[in-house]
Amino acid sequence: MTTAAVLGCTGAVGSQILATLLATDAISSVKTVSRRLPNAQSPKLQALEEGDISKWGGMISSLSPKPSLVFNAVGTMRATAGGIQNQWKIDHDLCIENARAAKEAGVKTYVFISSGGTRGFLSRYVPYSKMKIGVEDTIKELDFEHAIILRPGLIIGRENPKAPFLENIVENLNKLGQGVQDMIGQDQTIIGRAAVAAARMAEEGKAPSKYWVVEQADIVKLGRDEWKE
């Protein structure tokens, strides 16, 4: 049985990862570290509340039993963070600190929720993409037994949309065909399920590579087409 930990468990994707883990029989216990406690409840959930995000990484090694699987779904928006510098501290610096702490704690499988399009020619000059690239490259260098990078498109299906107008447009693209929507955005539930499914494959020795980048098409496949209710 596996012990998993989730960082960023109260966000759109993180909450879905948590819900999926709690419903997965192969997961014996789930630990979360967040600024506010998640809404989920379960006998196998241990939720830790810590307002000082700089302490999150150090808390990984103190979890008992120690997790062999860690999901990092930490993320914010520039406006929410109060500017690009504050966003960088969370989306880049904090995520790198968490990954390094997980490696030092002996975590075997590390899953990071990144973003689609971060490696495009023009996106390399966009601050948000540079944040994600920095985290992805660090995780690769840390050489986990298994490292999984999910690159979803626009996240849709959120109770509190971050970009209501744009998200509404993408949510309605399924009227033109589900495949049209899938190329641009994915529902938060599908992304969360895909993250757990990819981690399960890695731990079963079925991942295609040690460092596995899961793009949008595979997110859809893992999170919807192959998910067993």
Protein backbone atom coordinates (compact mmCIF):
# COMPACT_ATOMS: atom_id res chain seq x y z
CA MET A 1 0.00 0.00 0.00
CA THR A 2 1.20 3.51 -0.84
CA THR A 3 1.33 6.70 1.19
CA ALA A 4 0.88 9.84 -0.89
CA ALA A 5 1.23 13.55 -0.15
CA VAL A 6 -0.40 16.47 -1.94
CA LEU A 7 0.92 20.04 -1.94
CA GLY A 8 -1.62 22.55 -3.21
CA CYS A 9 -4.61 20.39 -2.31
CA THR A 10 -7.16 23.22 -2.14
CA GLY A 11 -6.78 24.42 -5.72
CA ALA A 12 -8.84 23.21 -8.67
CA VAL A 13 -6.56 20.36 -9.76
CA GLY A 14 -5.10 19.64 -6.33
CA SER A 15 -8.54 19.07 -4.82
CA GLN A 16 -9.34 16.60 -7.61
CA ILE A 17 -6.05 14.77 -7.08
CA LEU A 18 -6.88 14.51 -3.40
CA ALA A 19 -10.41 13.23 -4.05
CA THR A 20 -9.09 10.63 -6.49
CA LEU A 21 -6.40 9.43 -4.09
CA LEU A 22 -8.90 9.05 -1.27
CA ALA A 23 -11.07 6.89 -3.54
CA THR A 24 -8.14 4.73 -4.68
CA ASP A 25 -7.79 1.44 -2.82
CA ALA A 26 -4.06 1.17 -3.50
CA ILE A 27 -3.44 4.35 -1.49
CA SER A 28 -3.35 3.58 2.23
CA SER A 29 -2.95 7.14 3.52
CA VAL A 30 -2.87 10.65 2.14
CA LYS A 31 -1.08 13.63 3.68
CA THR A 32 -1.73 17.22 2.66
CA VAL A 33 0.10 20.44 3.43
CA SER A 34 -1.71 23.68 2.67
CA ARG A 35 -2.47 27.19 3.93
CA ARG A 36 -6.05 26.18 4.63
CA LEU A 37 -7.51 22.77 5.29
CA PRO A 38 -9.18 20.92 2.39
CA ASN A 39 -12.91 20.21 2.44
CA ALA A 40 -12.37 16.48 1.94
CA GLN A 41 -12.78 14.07 4.83
CA SER A 42 -11.59 10.50 5.10
CA PRO A 43 -10.14 8.15 7.74
CA LYS A 44 -6.97 7.91 5.66
CA LEU A 45 -6.50 11.67 5.32
CA GLN A 46 -4.08 13.64 7.48
CA ALA A 47 -4.39 17.32 6.61
CA LEU A 48 -1.78 19.75 7.92
CA GLU A 49 -2.41 23.49 7.93
CA GLU A 50 0.62 25.78 7.62
CA GLY A 51 0.32 29.43 6.66
CA ASP A 52 4.07 29.85 6.14
CA ILE A 53 4.69 28.30 2.74
CA SER A 54 8.46 28.40 3.26
CA LYS A 55 8.02 25.55 5.77
CA TRP A 56 6.20 23.20 3.42
CA GLY A 57 9.27 21.52 1.97
CA GLY A 58 10.71 20.76 5.37
CA MET A 59 7.45 19.20 6.49
CA ILE A 60 7.69 16.42 3.89
CA SER A 61 10.42 14.56 5.79
CA SER A 62 8.44 14.81 9.04
CA LEU A 63 5.33 13.09 7.66
CA SER A 64 4.64 9.66 9.11
CA PRO A 65 4.52 7.29 7.43
CA LYS A 66 6.78 8.94 4.88
CA PRO A 67 5.17 9.31 1.46
CA SER A 68 6.71 7.50 -1.48
CA LEU A 69 4.51 9.53 -3.83
CA VAL A 70 4.18 13.33 -3.86
CA PHE A 71 1.95 15.52 -6.02
CA ASN A 72 2.76 19.22 -6.40
CA ALA A 73 -0.28 21.14 -7.64
CA VAL A 74 0.86 24.47 -6.22
CA GLY A 75 0.05 27.49 -8.36
CA THR A 76 -1.29 31.01 -8.28
CA MET A 77 -2.07 33.92 -10.59
CA ARG A 78 -0.21 37.20 -10.90
CA ALA A 79 -3.18 39.24 -9.68
CA THR A 80 -3.80 36.94 -6.73
CA ALA A 81 -0.14 36.94 -5.73
CA GLY A 82 0.14 40.71 -6.00
CA GLY A 83 2.55 40.95 -8.91
CA ILE A 84 4.95 38.89 -10.99
CA GLN A 85 7.68 38.82 -8.33
CA ASN A 86 5.35 37.32 -5.73
CA GLN A 87 3.99 34.86 -8.28
CA TRP A 88 7.55 33.78 -9.09
CA LYS A 89 8.16 33.03 -5.40
CA ILE A 90 5.24 30.59 -5.41
CA ASP A 91 5.11 29.12 -8.93
CA HIS A 92 8.88 28.84 -9.27
CA ASP A 93 10.86 29.14 -6.03
CA LEU A 94 8.42 27.29 -3.76
CA CYS A 95 7.88 24.50 -6.28
CA ILE A 96 11.62 23.98 -6.65
CA GLU A 97 12.09 23.96 -2.87
CA ASN A 98 9.33 21.37 -2.53
CA ALA A 99 10.86 19.13 -5.21
CA ARG A 100 14.31 19.25 -3.60
CA ALA A 101 12.85 18.54 -0.17
CA ALA A 102 10.93 15.56 -1.57
CA LYS A 103 14.10 14.17 -3.11
CA GLU A 104 15.97 14.55 0.17
CA ALA A 105 13.11 12.84 2.00
CA GLY A 106 13.43 9.78 -0.22
CA VAL A 107 10.28 10.25 -2.28
CA LYS A 108 10.29 7.81 -5.19
CA THR A 109 7.62 9.27 -7.48
CA TYR A 110 7.14 13.01 -7.94
CA VAL A 111 4.26 14.47 -9.94
CA PHE A 112 4.23 18.13 -10.95
CA ILE A 113 1.26 19.92 -12.49
CA SER A 114 2.84 22.26 -15.04
CA SER A 115 1.14 23.94 -18.00
CA GLY A 116 0.68 23.27 -21.71
CA GLY A 117 2.66 25.29 -24.24
CA THR A 118 5.56 26.11 -21.94
CA ARG A 119 8.15 24.92 -24.44
CA GLY A 120 6.91 26.84 -27.46
CA PHE A 121 9.23 29.34 -29.17
CA LEU A 122 7.39 32.46 -28.05
CA SER A 123 6.34 31.10 -24.66
CA ARG A 124 9.98 30.84 -23.59
CA TYR A 125 9.93 34.61 -23.26
CA VAL A 126 6.76 34.67 -21.16
CA PRO A 127 7.40 34.90 -17.39
CA TYR A 128 4.77 32.28 -16.53
CA SER A 129 6.29 29.78 -18.95
CA LYS A 130 9.79 30.52 -17.65
CA MET A 131 8.58 29.66 -14.15
CA LYS A 132 7.25 26.29 -15.26
CA ILE A 133 10.34 25.52 -17.36
CA GLY A 134 12.57 26.20 -14.37
CA VAL A 135 10.62 23.81 -12.17
CA GLU A 136 10.44 21.10 -14.83
CA ASP A 137 14.19 21.27 -15.48
CA THR A 138 14.99 21.08 -11.77
CA ILE A 139 12.77 18.03 -11.29
CA LYS A 140 14.53 16.31 -14.19
CA GLU A 141 17.94 17.11 -12.71
CA LEU A 142 16.92 15.75 -9.30
CA ASP A 143 16.66 12.30 -10.90
CA PHE A 144 13.71 10.85 -9.03
CA GLU A 145 13.03 7.15 -9.50
CA HIS A 146 9.94 8.38 -11.36
CA ALA A 147 9.13 11.99 -12.30
CA ILE A 148 5.89 12.90 -14.04
CA ILE A 149 5.15 16.31 -15.55
CA LEU A 150 1.55 17.03 -16.55
CA ARG A 151 1.02 19.86 -19.04
CA PRO A 152 -2.72 20.53 -19.20
CA GLY A 153 -4.31 23.22 -21.32
CA LEU A 154 -6.76 25.74 -19.90
CA ILE A 155 -8.33 24.32 -16.76
CA ILE A 156 -12.12 24.29 -16.96
CA GLY A 157 -14.94 23.12 -14.71
CA ARG A 158 -13.83 25.20 -11.75
CA GLU A 159 -16.41 26.31 -9.20
CA ASN A 160 -14.68 29.70 -9.09
CA PRO A 161 -13.22 30.36 -12.56
CA LYS A 162 -10.01 32.38 -12.72
CA ALA A 163 -10.74 33.58 -16.24
CA PRO A 164 -14.56 33.30 -16.48
CA PHE A 165 -15.01 34.61 -20.02
CA LEU A 166 -12.29 32.46 -21.56
CA GLU A 167 -13.15 29.37 -19.55
CA ASN A 168 -16.80 29.67 -20.57
CA ILE A 169 -15.81 29.78 -24.25
CA VAL A 170 -13.68 26.64 -23.92
CA GLU A 171 -16.34 24.81 -21.91
CA ASN A 172 -18.78 25.38 -24.78
CA LEU A 173 -16.40 24.11 -27.45
CA ASN A 174 -17.64 20.58 -26.81
CA LYS A 175 -20.70 21.60 -28.81
CA LEU A 176 -18.39 21.49 -31.83
CA GLY A 177 -17.09 18.11 -30.73
CA GLN A 178 -15.37 16.86 -27.60
CA GLY A 179 -12.09 16.58 -29.49
CA VAL A 180 -12.12 20.31 -30.24
CA GLN A 181 -12.41 21.16 -26.55
CA ASP A 182 -9.79 18.58 -25.57
CA MET A 183 -7.16 20.30 -27.73
CA ILE A 184 -7.51 23.55 -25.78
CA GLY A 185 -8.70 22.84 -22.26
CA GLN A 186 -9.35 19.98 -19.87
CA ASP A 187 -11.76 19.65 -16.99
CA GLN A 188 -10.16 19.81 -13.55
CA THR A 189 -11.50 16.35 -12.70
CA ILE A 190 -9.86 14.80 -15.77
CA ILE A 191 -6.52 16.42 -14.95
CA GLY A 192 -6.64 15.21 -11.35
CA ARG A 193 -7.53 11.68 -12.38
CA ALA A 194 -4.83 11.67 -15.04
CA ALA A 195 -2.21 12.67 -12.47
CA VAL A 196 -3.15 9.76 -10.21
CA ALA A 197 -3.41 7.31 -13.11
CA ALA A 198 0.06 8.30 -14.37
CA ALA A 199 1.54 7.87 -10.90
CA ARG A 200 -0.09 4.47 -10.58
CA MET A 201 1.40 3.40 -13.92
CA ALA A 202 4.84 4.58 -12.84
CA GLU A 203 4.71 2.64 -9.59
CA GLU A 204 3.57 -0.46 -11.51
CA GLY A 205 6.53 -0.13 -13.87
CA LYS A 206 4.30 0.82 -16.81
CA ALA A 207 5.46 4.40 -17.39
CA PRO A 208 7.02 4.94 -20.84
CA SER A 209 10.09 6.60 -19.32
CA LYS A 210 11.68 7.55 -16.02
CA TYR A 211 11.00 11.23 -16.71
CA TRP A 212 7.54 11.26 -18.26
CA VAL A 213 5.94 14.38 -19.74
CA VAL A 214 2.18 13.92 -20.10
CA GLU A 215 0.77 16.28 -22.72
CA GLN A 216 -2.88 17.21 -23.22
CA ALA A 217 -3.89 14.27 -25.41
CA ASP A 218 -2.53 11.78 -22.88
CA ILE A 219 -4.12 13.69 -20.01
CA VAL A 220 -7.49 13.17 -21.69
CA LYS A 221 -6.75 9.50 -22.29
CA LEU A 222 -5.58 8.82 -18.75
CA GLY A 223 -8.17 10.96 -17.05
CA ARG A 224 -11.28 10.07 -19.02
CA ASP A 225 -10.94 7.40 -21.67
CA GLU A 226 -9.11 4.86 -19.52
CA TRP A 227 -10.29 5.79 -16.04
CA LYS A 228 -12.21 3.03 -14.33
CA GLU A 229 -14.98 4.21 -12.08
